[in-house]
Amino acid sequence: MVEVISKKNEAIEFKTLPVESIKNLKVRF
């Protein structure tokens, strides 16, 4: 059960990441 919850949390965190920050990281590199 703990593994499933951790996977769901990771997915939620990934979805909640702001798109602008990702674009900024791409521009920096």
C-alpha atoms as a PDB file:
ATOM      1  CA  MET A   1       0.000   0.000   0.000  1.00  0.00           C
ATOM      2  CA  VAL A   2       2.786   2.428   0.842  1.00  0.00           C
ATOM      3  CA  GLU A   3       4.405   1.933  -2.567  1.00  0.00           C
ATOM      4  CA  VAL A   4       1.141   2.662  -4.381  1.00  0.00           C
ATOM      5  CA  ILE A   5       0.569   5.834  -2.351  1.00  0.00           C
ATOM      6  CA  SER A   6       4.114   7.026  -2.994  1.00  0.00           C
ATOM      7  CA  LYS A   7       3.674   6.480  -6.735  1.00  0.00           C
ATOM      8  CA  LYS A   8       0.423   8.462  -6.714  1.00  0.00           C
ATOM      9  CA  ASN A   9       2.108  11.302  -4.814  1.00  0.00           C
ATOM     10  CA  GLU A  10       4.928  11.414  -7.356  1.00  0.00           C
ATOM     11  CA  ALA A  11       2.440  11.562 -10.217  1.00  0.00           C
ATOM     12  CA  ILE A  12       0.524  14.379  -8.541  1.00  0.00           C
ATOM     13  CA  GLU A  13       3.718  16.351  -7.919  1.00  0.00           C
ATOM     14  CA  PHE A  14       4.741  15.889 -11.559  1.00  0.00           C
ATOM     15  CA  LYS A  15       1.343  17.110 -12.793  1.00  0.00           C
ATOM     16  CA  THR A  16       1.389  20.121 -10.447  1.00  0.00           C
ATOM     17  CA  LEU A  17       4.771  21.315 -11.755  1.00  0.00           C
ATOM     18  CA  PRO A  18       4.316  24.698 -13.434  1.00  0.00           C
ATOM     19  CA  VAL A  19       4.892  24.559 -17.168  1.00  0.00           C
ATOM     20  CA  GLU A  20       6.715  27.910 -17.142  1.00  0.00           C
ATOM     21  CA  SER A  21       9.434  26.582 -14.832  1.00  0.00           C
ATOM     22  CA  ILE A  22      10.009  23.638 -17.197  1.00  0.00           C
ATOM     23  CA  LYS A  23      10.329  26.015 -20.157  1.00  0.00           C
ATOM     24  CA  ASN A  24      12.800  28.136 -18.189  1.00  0.00           C
ATOM     25  CA  LEU A  25      14.929  25.060 -17.481  1.00  0.00           C
ATOM     26  CA  LYS A  26      14.953  24.198 -21.191  1.00  0.00           C
ATOM     27  CA  VAL A  27      15.969  27.753 -22.092  1.00  0.00           C
ATOM     28  CA  ARG A  28      18.830  27.683 -19.548  1.00  0.00           C
ATOM     29  CA  PHE A  29      20.243  24.489 -21.037  1.00  0.00           C
END
